[in-house]
Amino acid sequence: GSNIYYAEFVKGRFTISRDNAKMTVYLQMSRLIPEDTAVYLCNADP
């Protein structure tokens, strides 16, 4: 969790976090706009 990347188009609006104990990653999305409409997919990149 020490390094985080955001695409420019979500900076300041979205927050990614993870809870390794709960085996879960989150994406908090705020100030949503119609252009955010999409299928959101999770990727575990080794």
ModelCIF file with pLDDT and N, C-alpha, C, O atoms, coordinates in Angstrom:
data_MODEL
#
_entry.id   MODEL 
#
_entity.id                         1 
_entity.type                       polymer 
_entity.pdbx_number_of_molecules   1 
#
_entity_poly.entity_id                      1 
_entity_poly.type                           'polypeptide(L)' 
_entity_poly.nstd_linkage                   no 
_entity_poly.nstd_monomer                   no 
_entity_poly.pdbx_seq_one_letter_code       GSNIYYAEFVKGRFTISRDNAKMTVYLQMSRLIPEDTAVYLCNADP 
_entity_poly.pdbx_seq_one_letter_code_can   GSNIYYAEFVKGRFTISRDNAKMTVYLQMSRLIPEDTAVYLCNADP 
_entity_poly.pdbx_strand_id                 A 
#
loop_
_entity_poly_seq.entity_id 
_entity_poly_seq.num 
_entity_poly_seq.mon_id 
_entity_poly_seq.hetero 
1 1  GLY n 
1 2  SER n 
1 3  ASN n 
1 4  ILE n 
1 5  TYR n 
1 6  TYR n 
1 7  ALA n 
1 8  GLU n 
1 9  PHE n 
1 10 VAL n 
1 11 LYS n 
1 12 GLY n 
1 13 ARG n 
1 14 PHE n 
1 15 THR n 
1 16 ILE n 
1 17 SER n 
1 18 ARG n 
1 19 ASP n 
1 20 ASN n 
1 21 ALA n 
1 22 LYS n 
1 23 MET n 
1 24 THR n 
1 25 VAL n 
1 26 TYR n 
1 27 LEU n 
1 28 GLN n 
1 29 MET n 
1 30 SER n 
1 31 ARG n 
1 32 LEU n 
1 33 ILE n 
1 34 PRO n 
1 35 GLU n 
1 36 ASP n 
1 37 THR n 
1 38 ALA n 
1 39 VAL n 
1 40 TYR n 
1 41 LEU n 
1 42 CYS n 
1 43 ASN n 
1 44 ALA n 
1 45 ASP n 
1 46 PRO n 
#
_struct_asym.id          A 
_struct_asym.entity_id   1 
#
loop_
_ma_qa_metric.id 
_ma_qa_metric.mode 
_ma_qa_metric.name 
_ma_qa_metric.software_group_id 
_ma_qa_metric.type 
1 global pLDDT . pLDDT 
2 local  pLDDT . pLDDT 
#
_ma_qa_metric_global.metric_id      1 
_ma_qa_metric_global.metric_value   97.09 
_ma_qa_metric_global.model_id       1 
_ma_qa_metric_global.ordinal_id     1 
#
loop_
_ma_qa_metric_local.label_asym_id 
_ma_qa_metric_local.label_comp_id 
_ma_qa_metric_local.label_seq_id 
_ma_qa_metric_local.metric_id 
_ma_qa_metric_local.metric_value 
_ma_qa_metric_local.model_id 
_ma_qa_metric_local.ordinal_id 
A GLY 1  2 94.00 1 1  
A SER 2  2 95.00 1 2  
A ASN 3  2 96.00 1 3  
A ILE 4  2 97.00 1 4  
A TYR 5  2 97.00 1 5  
A TYR 6  2 97.00 1 6  
A ALA 7  2 97.00 1 7  
A GLU 8  2 97.00 1 8  
A PHE 9  2 96.00 1 9  
A VAL 10 2 97.00 1 10 
A LYS 11 2 96.00 1 11 
A GLY 12 2 96.00 1 12 
A ARG 13 2 98.00 1 13 
A PHE 14 2 98.00 1 14 
A THR 15 2 98.00 1 15 
A ILE 16 2 98.00 1 16 
A SER 17 2 98.00 1 17 
A ARG 18 2 98.00 1 18 
A ASP 19 2 97.00 1 19 
A ASN 20 2 96.00 1 20 
A ALA 21 2 96.00 1 21 
A LYS 22 2 96.00 1 22 
A MET 23 2 96.00 1 23 
A THR 24 2 97.00 1 24 
A VAL 25 2 98.00 1 25 
A TYR 26 2 98.00 1 26 
A LEU 27 2 98.00 1 27 
A GLN 28 2 98.00 1 28 
A MET 29 2 98.00 1 29 
A SER 30 2 98.00 1 30 
A ARG 31 2 98.00 1 31 
A LEU 32 2 98.00 1 32 
A ILE 33 2 98.00 1 33 
A PRO 34 2 97.00 1 34 
A GLU 35 2 97.00 1 35 
A ASP 36 2 98.00 1 36 
A THR 37 2 98.00 1 37 
A ALA 38 2 98.00 1 38 
A VAL 39 2 98.00 1 39 
A TYR 40 2 98.00 1 40 
A LEU 41 2 98.00 1 41 
A CYS 42 2 98.00 1 42 
A ASN 43 2 97.00 1 43 
A ALA 44 2 97.00 1 44 
A ASP 45 2 96.00 1 45 
A PRO 46 2 93.00 1 46 
#
loop_
_atom_site.group_PDB 
_atom_site.id 
_atom_site.type_symbol 
_atom_site.label_atom_id 
_atom_site.label_alt_id 
_atom_site.label_comp_id 
_atom_site.label_asym_id 
_atom_site.label_entity_id 
_atom_site.label_seq_id 
_atom_site.pdbx_PDB_ins_code 
_atom_site.Cartn_x 
_atom_site.Cartn_y 
_atom_site.Cartn_z 
_atom_site.occupancy 
_atom_site.B_iso_or_equiv 
_atom_site.pdbx_formal_charge 
_atom_site.auth_seq_id 
_atom_site.auth_comp_id 
_atom_site.auth_asym_id 
_atom_site.auth_atom_id 
_atom_site.pdbx_PDB_model_num 
ATOM 1   N N  . GLY A 1 1  ? 0.800   -1.220  0.000   1.00 94.00 ? 1  GLY A N  1 
ATOM 2   C CA . GLY A 1 1  ? 0.000   0.000   0.000   1.00 94.00 ? 1  GLY A CA 1 
ATOM 3   C C  . GLY A 1 1  ? 0.829   1.264   0.000   1.00 94.00 ? 1  GLY A C  1 
ATOM 4   O O  . GLY A 1 1  ? 0.279   2.363   0.068   1.00 94.00 ? 1  GLY A O  1 
ATOM 5   N N  . SER A 1 2  ? 2.147   1.131   -0.075  1.00 95.00 ? 2  SER A N  1 
ATOM 6   C CA . SER A 1 2  ? 3.013   2.307   0.013   1.00 95.00 ? 2  SER A CA 1 
ATOM 7   C C  . SER A 1 2  ? 3.112   3.069   -1.311  1.00 95.00 ? 2  SER A C  1 
ATOM 8   O O  . SER A 1 2  ? 3.496   4.238   -1.324  1.00 95.00 ? 2  SER A O  1 
ATOM 9   N N  . ASN A 1 3  ? 2.775   2.428   -2.403  1.00 96.00 ? 3  ASN A N  1 
ATOM 10  C CA . ASN A 1 3  ? 2.771   3.086   -3.716  1.00 96.00 ? 3  ASN A CA 1 
ATOM 11  C C  . ASN A 1 3  ? 1.368   3.030   -4.302  1.00 96.00 ? 3  ASN A C  1 
ATOM 12  O O  . ASN A 1 3  ? 0.708   1.991   -4.289  1.00 96.00 ? 3  ASN A O  1 
ATOM 13  N N  . ILE A 1 4  ? 0.934   4.168   -4.813  1.00 97.00 ? 4  ILE A N  1 
ATOM 14  C CA . ILE A 1 4  ? -0.399  4.265   -5.394  1.00 97.00 ? 4  ILE A CA 1 
ATOM 15  C C  . ILE A 1 4  ? -0.312  5.045   -6.698  1.00 97.00 ? 4  ILE A C  1 
ATOM 16  O O  . ILE A 1 4  ? 0.394   6.049   -6.800  1.00 97.00 ? 4  ILE A O  1 
ATOM 17  N N  . TYR A 1 5  ? -1.035  4.567   -7.674  1.00 97.00 ? 5  TYR A N  1 
ATOM 18  C CA . TYR A 1 5  ? -1.145  5.239   -8.974  1.00 97.00 ? 5  TYR A CA 1 
ATOM 19  C C  . TYR A 1 5  ? -2.605  5.598   -9.222  1.00 97.00 ? 5  TYR A C  1 
ATOM 20  O O  . TYR A 1 5  ? -3.506  4.816   -8.919  1.00 97.00 ? 5  TYR A O  1 
ATOM 21  N N  . TYR A 1 6  ? -2.830  6.784   -9.775  1.00 97.00 ? 6  TYR A N  1 
ATOM 22  C CA . TYR A 1 6  ? -4.153  7.185   -10.243 1.00 97.00 ? 6  TYR A CA 1 
ATOM 23  C C  . TYR A 1 6  ? -4.041  7.709   -11.666 1.00 97.00 ? 6  TYR A C  1 
ATOM 24  O O  . TYR A 1 6  ? -3.110  8.444   -11.997 1.00 97.00 ? 6  TYR A O  1 
ATOM 25  N N  . ALA A 1 7  ? -4.986  7.330   -12.495 1.00 97.00 ? 7  ALA A N  1 
ATOM 26  C CA . ALA A 1 7  ? -5.094  7.959   -13.801 1.00 97.00 ? 7  ALA A CA 1 
ATOM 27  C C  . ALA A 1 7  ? -5.482  9.421   -13.600 1.00 97.00 ? 7  ALA A C  1 
ATOM 28  O O  . ALA A 1 7  ? -6.170  9.770   -12.641 1.00 97.00 ? 7  ALA A O  1 
ATOM 29  N N  . GLU A 1 8  ? -5.029  10.264  -14.517 1.00 97.00 ? 8  GLU A N  1 
ATOM 30  C CA . GLU A 1 8  ? -5.287  11.697  -14.379 1.00 97.00 ? 8  GLU A CA 1 
ATOM 31  C C  . GLU A 1 8  ? -6.781  11.999  -14.268 1.00 97.00 ? 8  GLU A C  1 
ATOM 32  O O  . GLU A 1 8  ? -7.187  12.909  -13.544 1.00 97.00 ? 8  GLU A O  1 
ATOM 33  N N  . PHE A 1 9  ? -7.581  11.238  -14.982 1.00 96.00 ? 9  PHE A N  1 
ATOM 34  C CA . PHE A 1 9  ? -9.000  11.561  -15.055 1.00 96.00 ? 9  PHE A CA 1 
ATOM 35  C C  . PHE A 1 9  ? -9.765  11.203  -13.773 1.00 96.00 ? 9  PHE A C  1 
ATOM 36  O O  . PHE A 1 9  ? -10.956 11.496  -13.670 1.00 96.00 ? 9  PHE A O  1 
ATOM 37  N N  . VAL A 1 10 ? -9.092  10.568  -12.787 1.00 97.00 ? 10 VAL A N  1 
ATOM 38  C CA . VAL A 1 10 ? -9.778  10.267  -11.525 1.00 97.00 ? 10 VAL A CA 1 
ATOM 39  C C  . VAL A 1 10 ? -9.086  10.902  -10.323 1.00 97.00 ? 10 VAL A C  1 
ATOM 40  O O  . VAL A 1 10 ? -9.580  10.805  -9.199  1.00 97.00 ? 10 VAL A O  1 
ATOM 41  N N  . LYS A 1 11 ? -7.959  11.543  -10.550 1.00 96.00 ? 11 LYS A N  1 
ATOM 42  C CA . LYS A 1 11 ? -7.229  12.139  -9.423  1.00 96.00 ? 11 LYS A CA 1 
ATOM 43  C C  . LYS A 1 11 ? -8.107  13.139  -8.680  1.00 96.00 ? 11 LYS A C  1 
ATOM 44  O O  . LYS A 1 11 ? -8.764  13.987  -9.283  1.00 96.00 ? 11 LYS A O  1 
ATOM 45  N N  . GLY A 1 12 ? -8.099  13.017  -7.374  1.00 96.00 ? 12 GLY A N  1 
ATOM 46  C CA . GLY A 1 12 ? -8.893  13.915  -6.545  1.00 96.00 ? 12 GLY A CA 1 
ATOM 47  C C  . GLY A 1 12 ? -10.336 13.470  -6.363  1.00 96.00 ? 12 GLY A C  1 
ATOM 48  O O  . GLY A 1 12 ? -11.072 14.043  -5.560  1.00 96.00 ? 12 GLY A O  1 
ATOM 49  N N  . ARG A 1 13 ? -10.740 12.443  -7.115  1.00 98.00 ? 13 ARG A N  1 
ATOM 50  C CA . ARG A 1 13 ? -12.130 11.958  -7.008  1.00 98.00 ? 13 ARG A CA 1 
ATOM 51  C C  . ARG A 1 13 ? -12.211 10.520  -6.519  1.00 98.00 ? 13 ARG A C  1 
ATOM 52  O O  . ARG A 1 13 ? -13.146 10.158  -5.804  1.00 98.00 ? 13 ARG A O  1 
ATOM 53  N N  . PHE A 1 14 ? -11.237 9.698   -6.898  1.00 98.00 ? 14 PHE A N  1 
ATOM 54  C CA . PHE A 1 14 ? -11.251 8.287   -6.533  1.00 98.00 ? 14 PHE A CA 1 
ATOM 55  C C  . PHE A 1 14 ? -10.122 8.003   -5.537  1.00 98.00 ? 14 PHE A C  1 
ATOM 56  O O  . PHE A 1 14 ? -9.078  8.656   -5.557  1.00 98.00 ? 14 PHE A O  1 
ATOM 57  N N  . THR A 1 15 ? -10.356 7.014   -4.667  1.00 98.00 ? 15 THR A N  1 
ATOM 58  C CA . THR A 1 15 ? -9.337  6.580   -3.721  1.00 98.00 ? 15 THR A CA 1 
ATOM 59  C C  . THR A 1 15 ? -9.280  5.064   -3.711  1.00 98.00 ? 15 THR A C  1 
ATOM 60  O O  . THR A 1 15 ? -10.293 4.393   -3.514  1.00 98.00 ? 15 THR A O  1 
ATOM 61  N N  . ILE A 1 16 ? -8.076  4.526   -3.927  1.00 98.00 ? 16 ILE A N  1 
ATOM 62  C CA . ILE A 1 16 ? -7.882  3.083   -3.862  1.00 98.00 ? 16 ILE A CA 1 
ATOM 63  C C  . ILE A 1 16 ? -7.272  2.742   -2.511  1.00 98.00 ? 16 ILE A C  1 
ATOM 64  O O  . ILE A 1 16 ? -6.440  3.482   -1.987  1.00 98.00 ? 16 ILE A O  1 
ATOM 65  N N  . SER A 1 17 ? -7.695  1.613   -1.954  1.00 98.00 ? 17 SER A N  1 
ATOM 66  C CA . SER A 1 17 ? -7.140  1.147   -0.686  1.00 98.00 ? 17 SER A CA 1 
ATOM 67  C C  . SER A 1 17 ? -7.229  -0.372  -0.670  1.00 98.00 ? 17 SER A C  1 
ATOM 68  O O  . SER A 1 17 ? -7.925  -0.986  -1.478  1.00 98.00 ? 17 SER A O  1 
ATOM 69  N N  . ARG A 1 18 ? -6.509  -0.951  0.266   1.00 98.00 ? 18 ARG A N  1 
ATOM 70  C CA . ARG A 1 18 ? -6.540  -2.408  0.375   1.00 98.00 ? 18 ARG A CA 1 
ATOM 71  C C  . ARG A 1 18 ? -6.483  -2.805  1.828   1.00 98.00 ? 18 ARG A C  1 
ATOM 72  O O  . ARG A 1 18 ? -5.920  -2.100  2.665   1.00 98.00 ? 18 ARG A O  1 
ATOM 73  N N  . ASP A 1 19 ? -7.078  -3.947  2.113   1.00 97.00 ? 19 ASP A N  1 
ATOM 74  C CA . ASP A 1 19 ? -7.027  -4.548  3.434   1.00 97.00 ? 19 ASP A CA 1 
ATOM 75  C C  . ASP A 1 19 ? -6.560  -5.984  3.224   1.00 97.00 ? 19 ASP A C  1 
ATOM 76  O O  . ASP A 1 19 ? -7.356  -6.864  2.899   1.00 97.00 ? 19 ASP A O  1 
ATOM 77  N N  . ASN A 1 20 ? -5.277  -6.209  3.410   1.00 96.00 ? 20 ASN A N  1 
ATOM 78  C CA . ASN A 1 20 ? -4.721  -7.537  3.127   1.00 96.00 ? 20 ASN A CA 1 
ATOM 79  C C  . ASN A 1 20 ? -5.306  -8.595  4.066   1.00 96.00 ? 20 ASN A C  1 
ATOM 80  O O  . ASN A 1 20 ? -5.453  -9.754  3.678   1.00 96.00 ? 20 ASN A O  1 
ATOM 81  N N  . ALA A 1 21 ? -5.633  -8.209  5.275   1.00 96.00 ? 21 ALA A N  1 
ATOM 82  C CA . ALA A 1 21 ? -6.223  -9.174  6.214   1.00 96.00 ? 21 ALA A CA 1 
ATOM 83  C C  . ALA A 1 21 ? -7.595  -9.634  5.736   1.00 96.00 ? 21 ALA A C  1 
ATOM 84  O O  . ALA A 1 21 ? -7.987  -10.780 5.958   1.00 96.00 ? 21 ALA A O  1 
ATOM 85  N N  . LYS A 1 22 ? -8.315  -8.739  5.083   1.00 96.00 ? 22 LYS A N  1 
ATOM 86  C CA . LYS A 1 22 ? -9.636  -9.082  4.560   1.00 96.00 ? 22 LYS A CA 1 
ATOM 87  C C  . LYS A 1 22 ? -9.583  -9.537  3.113   1.00 96.00 ? 22 LYS A C  1 
ATOM 88  O O  . LYS A 1 22 ? -10.615 -9.842  2.515   1.00 96.00 ? 22 LYS A O  1 
ATOM 89  N N  . MET A 1 23 ? -8.365  -9.585  2.541   1.00 96.00 ? 23 MET A N  1 
ATOM 90  C CA . MET A 1 23 ? -8.186  -10.062 1.176   1.00 96.00 ? 23 MET A CA 1 
ATOM 91  C C  . MET A 1 23 ? -9.038  -9.242  0.194   1.00 96.00 ? 23 MET A C  1 
ATOM 92  O O  . MET A 1 23 ? -9.652  -9.791  -0.720  1.00 96.00 ? 23 MET A O  1 
ATOM 93  N N  . THR A 1 24 ? -9.061  -7.946  0.397   1.00 97.00 ? 24 THR A N  1 
ATOM 94  C CA . THR A 1 24 ? -9.960  -7.105  -0.381  1.00 97.00 ? 24 THR A CA 1 
ATOM 95  C C  . THR A 1 24 ? -9.277  -5.794  -0.754  1.00 97.00 ? 24 THR A C  1 
ATOM 96  O O  . THR A 1 24 ? -8.505  -5.227  0.020   1.00 97.00 ? 24 THR A O  1 
ATOM 97  N N  . VAL A 1 25 ? -9.582  -5.335  -1.953  1.00 98.00 ? 25 VAL A N  1 
ATOM 98  C CA . VAL A 1 25 ? -9.165  -4.007  -2.394  1.00 98.00 ? 25 VAL A CA 1 
ATOM 99  C C  . VAL A 1 25 ? -10.421 -3.203  -2.690  1.00 98.00 ? 25 VAL A C  1 
ATOM 100 O O  . VAL A 1 25 ? -11.436 -3.746  -3.127  1.00 98.00 ? 25 VAL A O  1 
ATOM 101 N N  . TYR A 1 26 ? -10.339 -1.904  -2.445  1.00 98.00 ? 26 TYR A N  1 
ATOM 102 C CA . TYR A 1 26 ? -11.502 -1.031  -2.589  1.00 98.00 ? 26 TYR A CA 1 
ATOM 103 C C  . TYR A 1 26 ? -11.204 0.100   -3.567  1.00 98.00 ? 26 TYR A C  1 
ATOM 104 O O  . TYR A 1 26 ? -10.054 0.484   -3.782  1.00 98.00 ? 26 TYR A O  1 
ATOM 105 N N  . LEU A 1 27 ? -12.275 0.613   -4.147  1.00 98.00 ? 27 LEU A N  1 
ATOM 106 C CA . LEU A 1 27 ? -12.173 1.830   -4.930  1.00 98.00 ? 27 LEU A CA 1 
ATOM 107 C C  . LEU A 1 27 ? -13.332 2.731   -4.512  1.00 98.00 ? 27 LEU A C  1 
ATOM 108 O O  . LEU A 1 27 ? -14.488 2.489   -4.860  1.00 98.00 ? 27 LEU A O  1 
ATOM 109 N N  . GLN A 1 28 ? -12.995 3.769   -3.760  1.00 98.00 ? 28 GLN A N  1 
ATOM 110 C CA . GLN A 1 28 ? -13.987 4.761   -3.366  1.00 98.00 ? 28 GLN A CA 1 
ATOM 111 C C  . GLN A 1 28 ? -14.074 5.799   -4.465  1.00 98.00 ? 28 GLN A C  1 
ATOM 112 O O  . GLN A 1 28 ? -13.087 6.467   -4.774  1.00 98.00 ? 28 GLN A O  1 
ATOM 113 N N  . MET A 1 29 ? -15.246 5.938   -5.054  1.00 98.00 ? 29 MET A N  1 
ATOM 114 C CA . MET A 1 29 ? -15.448 6.851   -6.169  1.00 98.00 ? 29 MET A CA 1 
ATOM 115 C C  . MET A 1 29 ? -16.395 7.965   -5.741  1.00 98.00 ? 29 MET A C  1 
ATOM 116 O O  . MET A 1 29 ? -17.513 7.705   -5.296  1.00 98.00 ? 29 MET A O  1 
ATOM 117 N N  . SER A 1 30 ? -15.945 9.185   -5.877  1.00 98.00 ? 30 SER A N  1 
ATOM 118 C CA . SER A 1 30 ? -16.751 10.341  -5.490  1.00 98.00 ? 30 SER A CA 1 
ATOM 119 C C  . SER A 1 30 ? -16.838 11.304  -6.667  1.00 98.00 ? 30 SER A C  1 
ATOM 120 O O  . SER A 1 30 ? -16.065 11.217  -7.622  1.00 98.00 ? 30 SER A O  1 
ATOM 121 N N  . ARG A 1 31 ? -17.796 12.224  -6.577  1.00 98.00 ? 31 ARG A N  1 
ATOM 122 C CA . ARG A 1 31 ? -17.999 13.234  -7.636  1.00 98.00 ? 31 ARG A CA 1 
ATOM 123 C C  . ARG A 1 31 ? -18.034 12.568  -9.010  1.00 98.00 ? 31 ARG A C  1 
ATOM 124 O O  . ARG A 1 31 ? -17.358 12.991  -9.948  1.00 98.00 ? 31 ARG A O  1 
ATOM 125 N N  . LEU A 1 32 ? -18.828 11.535  -9.094  1.00 98.00 ? 32 LEU A N  1 
ATOM 126 C CA . LEU A 1 32 ? -18.910 10.774  -10.333 1.00 98.00 ? 32 LEU A CA 1 
ATOM 127 C C  . LEU A 1 32 ? -19.528 11.617  -11.446 1.00 98.00 ? 32 LEU A C  1 
ATOM 128 O O  . LEU A 1 32 ? -20.405 12.450  -11.214 1.00 98.00 ? 32 LEU A O  1 
ATOM 129 N N  . ILE A 1 33 ? -19.049 11.376  -12.640 1.00 98.00 ? 33 ILE A N  1 
ATOM 130 C CA . ILE A 1 33 ? -19.531 12.055  -13.837 1.00 98.00 ? 33 ILE A CA 1 
ATOM 131 C C  . ILE A 1 33 ? -19.978 10.990  -14.850 1.00 98.00 ? 33 ILE A C  1 
ATOM 132 O O  . ILE A 1 33 ? -19.544 9.841   -14.762 1.00 98.00 ? 33 ILE A O  1 
ATOM 133 N N  . PRO A 1 34 ? -20.831 11.353  -15.797 1.00 97.00 ? 34 PRO A N  1 
ATOM 134 C CA . PRO A 1 34 ? -21.308 10.357  -16.772 1.00 97.00 ? 34 PRO A CA 1 
ATOM 135 C C  . PRO A 1 34 ? -20.172 9.642   -17.512 1.00 97.00 ? 34 PRO A C  1 
ATOM 136 O O  . PRO A 1 34 ? -20.309 8.482   -17.898 1.00 97.00 ? 34 PRO A O  1 
ATOM 137 N N  . GLU A 1 35 ? -19.065 10.336  -17.702 1.00 97.00 ? 35 GLU A N  1 
ATOM 138 C CA . GLU A 1 35 ? -17.926 9.716   -18.394 1.00 97.00 ? 35 GLU A CA 1 
ATOM 139 C C  . GLU A 1 35 ? -17.291 8.586   -17.594 1.00 97.00 ? 35 GLU A C  1 
ATOM 140 O O  . GLU A 1 35 ? -16.475 7.836   -18.129 1.00 97.00 ? 35 GLU A O  1 
ATOM 141 N N  . ASP A 1 36 ? -17.648 8.454   -16.333 1.00 98.00 ? 36 ASP A N  1 
ATOM 142 C CA . ASP A 1 36 ? -17.147 7.340   -15.521 1.00 98.00 ? 36 ASP A CA 1 
ATOM 143 C C  . ASP A 1 36 ? -17.930 6.052   -15.760 1.00 98.00 ? 36 ASP A C  1 
ATOM 144 O O  . ASP A 1 36 ? -17.563 4.998   -15.242 1.00 98.00 ? 36 ASP A O  1 
ATOM 145 N N  . THR A 1 37 ? -18.991 6.132   -16.532 1.00 98.00 ? 37 THR A N  1 
ATOM 146 C CA . THR A 1 37 ? -19.794 4.948   -16.828 1.00 98.00 ? 37 THR A CA 1 
ATOM 147 C C  . THR A 1 37 ? -18.956 3.914   -17.557 1.00 98.00 ? 37 THR A C  1 
ATOM 148 O O  . THR A 1 37 ? -18.377 4.198   -18.605 1.00 98.00 ? 37 THR A O  1 
ATOM 149 N N  . ALA A 1 38 ? -18.895 2.705   -16.994 1.00 98.00 ? 38 ALA A N  1 
ATOM 150 C CA . ALA A 1 38 ? -18.064 1.643   -17.557 1.00 98.00 ? 38 ALA A CA 1 
ATOM 151 C C  . ALA A 1 38 ? -18.243 0.386   -16.717 1.00 98.00 ? 38 ALA A C  1 
ATOM 152 O O  . ALA A 1 38 ? -18.838 0.412   -15.639 1.00 98.00 ? 38 ALA A O  1 
ATOM 153 N N  . VAL A 1 39 ? -17.717 -0.704  -17.235 1.00 98.00 ? 39 VAL A N  1 
ATOM 154 C CA . VAL A 1 39 ? -17.521 -1.898  -16.414 1.00 98.00 ? 39 VAL A CA 1 
ATOM 155 C C  . VAL A 1 39 ? -16.172 -1.747  -15.728 1.00 98.00 ? 39 VAL A C  1 
ATOM 156 O O  . VAL A 1 39 ? -15.153 -1.511  -16.376 1.00 98.00 ? 39 VAL A O  1 
ATOM 157 N N  . TYR A 1 40 ? -16.181 -1.885  -14.431 1.00 98.00 ? 40 TYR A N  1 
ATOM 158 C CA . TYR A 1 40 ? -14.955 -1.771  -13.642 1.00 98.00 ? 40 TYR A CA 1 
ATOM 159 C C  . TYR A 1 40 ? -14.464 -3.169  -13.293 1.00 98.00 ? 40 TYR A C  1 
ATOM 160 O O  . TYR A 1 40 ? -15.202 -3.993  -12.751 1.00 98.00 ? 40 TYR A O  1 
ATOM 161 N N  . LEU A 1 41 ? -13.206 -3.412  -13.616 1.00 98.00 ? 41 LEU A N  1 
ATOM 162 C CA . LEU A 1 41 ? -12.617 -4.736  -13.436 1.00 98.00 ? 41 LEU A CA 1 
ATOM 163 C C  . LEU A 1 41 ? -11.436 -4.675  -12.479 1.00 98.00 ? 41 LEU A C  1 
ATOM 164 O O  . LEU A 1 41 ? -10.671 -3.710  -12.460 1.00 98.00 ? 41 LEU A O  1 
ATOM 165 N N  . CYS A 1 42 ? -11.314 -5.719  -11.697 1.00 98.00 ? 42 CYS A N  1 
ATOM 166 C CA . CYS A 1 42 ? -10.223 -5.842  -10.737 1.00 98.00 ? 42 CYS A CA 1 
ATOM 167 C C  . CYS A 1 42 ? -9.165  -6.778  -11.327 1.00 98.00 ? 42 CYS A C  1 
ATOM 168 O O  . CYS A 1 42 ? -9.488  -7.808  -11.919 1.00 98.00 ? 42 CYS A O  1 
ATOM 169 N N  . ASN A 1 43 ? -7.921  -6.405  -11.157 1.00 97.00 ? 43 ASN A N  1 
ATOM 170 C CA . ASN A 1 43 ? -6.796  -7.191  -11.653 1.00 97.00 ? 43 ASN A CA 1 
ATOM 171 C C  . ASN A 1 43 ? -5.800  -7.414  -10.530 1.00 97.00 ? 43 ASN A C  1 
ATOM 172 O O  . ASN A 1 43 ? -5.425  -6.471  -9.833  1.00 97.00 ? 43 ASN A O  1 
ATOM 173 N N  . ALA A 1 44 ? -5.370  -8.648  -10.350 1.00 97.00 ? 44 ALA A N  1 
ATOM 174 C CA . ALA A 1 44 ? -4.300  -8.985  -9.408  1.00 97.00 ? 44 ALA A CA 1 
ATOM 175 C C  . ALA A 1 44 ? -3.047  -9.225  -10.242 1.00 97.00 ? 44 ALA A C  1 
ATOM 176 O O  . ALA A 1 44 ? -2.938  -10.234 -10.940 1.00 97.00 ? 44 ALA A O  1 
ATOM 177 N N  . ASP A 1 45 ? -2.117  -8.305  -10.165 1.00 96.00 ? 45 ASP A N  1 
ATOM 178 C CA . ASP A 1 45 ? -0.937  -8.304  -11.022 1.00 96.00 ? 45 ASP A CA 1 
ATOM 179 C C  . ASP A 1 45 ? 0.265   -8.780  -10.230 1.00 96.00 ? 45 ASP A C  1 
ATOM 180 O O  . ASP A 1 45 ? 0.720   -8.076  -9.328  1.00 96.00 ? 45 ASP A O  1 
ATOM 181 N N  . PRO A 1 46 ? 0.801   -9.974  -10.547 1.00 93.00 ? 46 PRO A N  1 
ATOM 182 C CA . PRO A 1 46 ? 1.898   -10.512 -9.737  1.00 93.00 ? 46 PRO A CA 1 
ATOM 183 C C  . PRO A 1 46 ? 3.253   -9.890  -10.049 1.00 93.00 ? 46 PRO A C  1 
ATOM 184 O O  . PRO A 1 46 ? 4.256   -10.256 -9.436  1.00 93.00 ? 46 PRO A O  1 
#
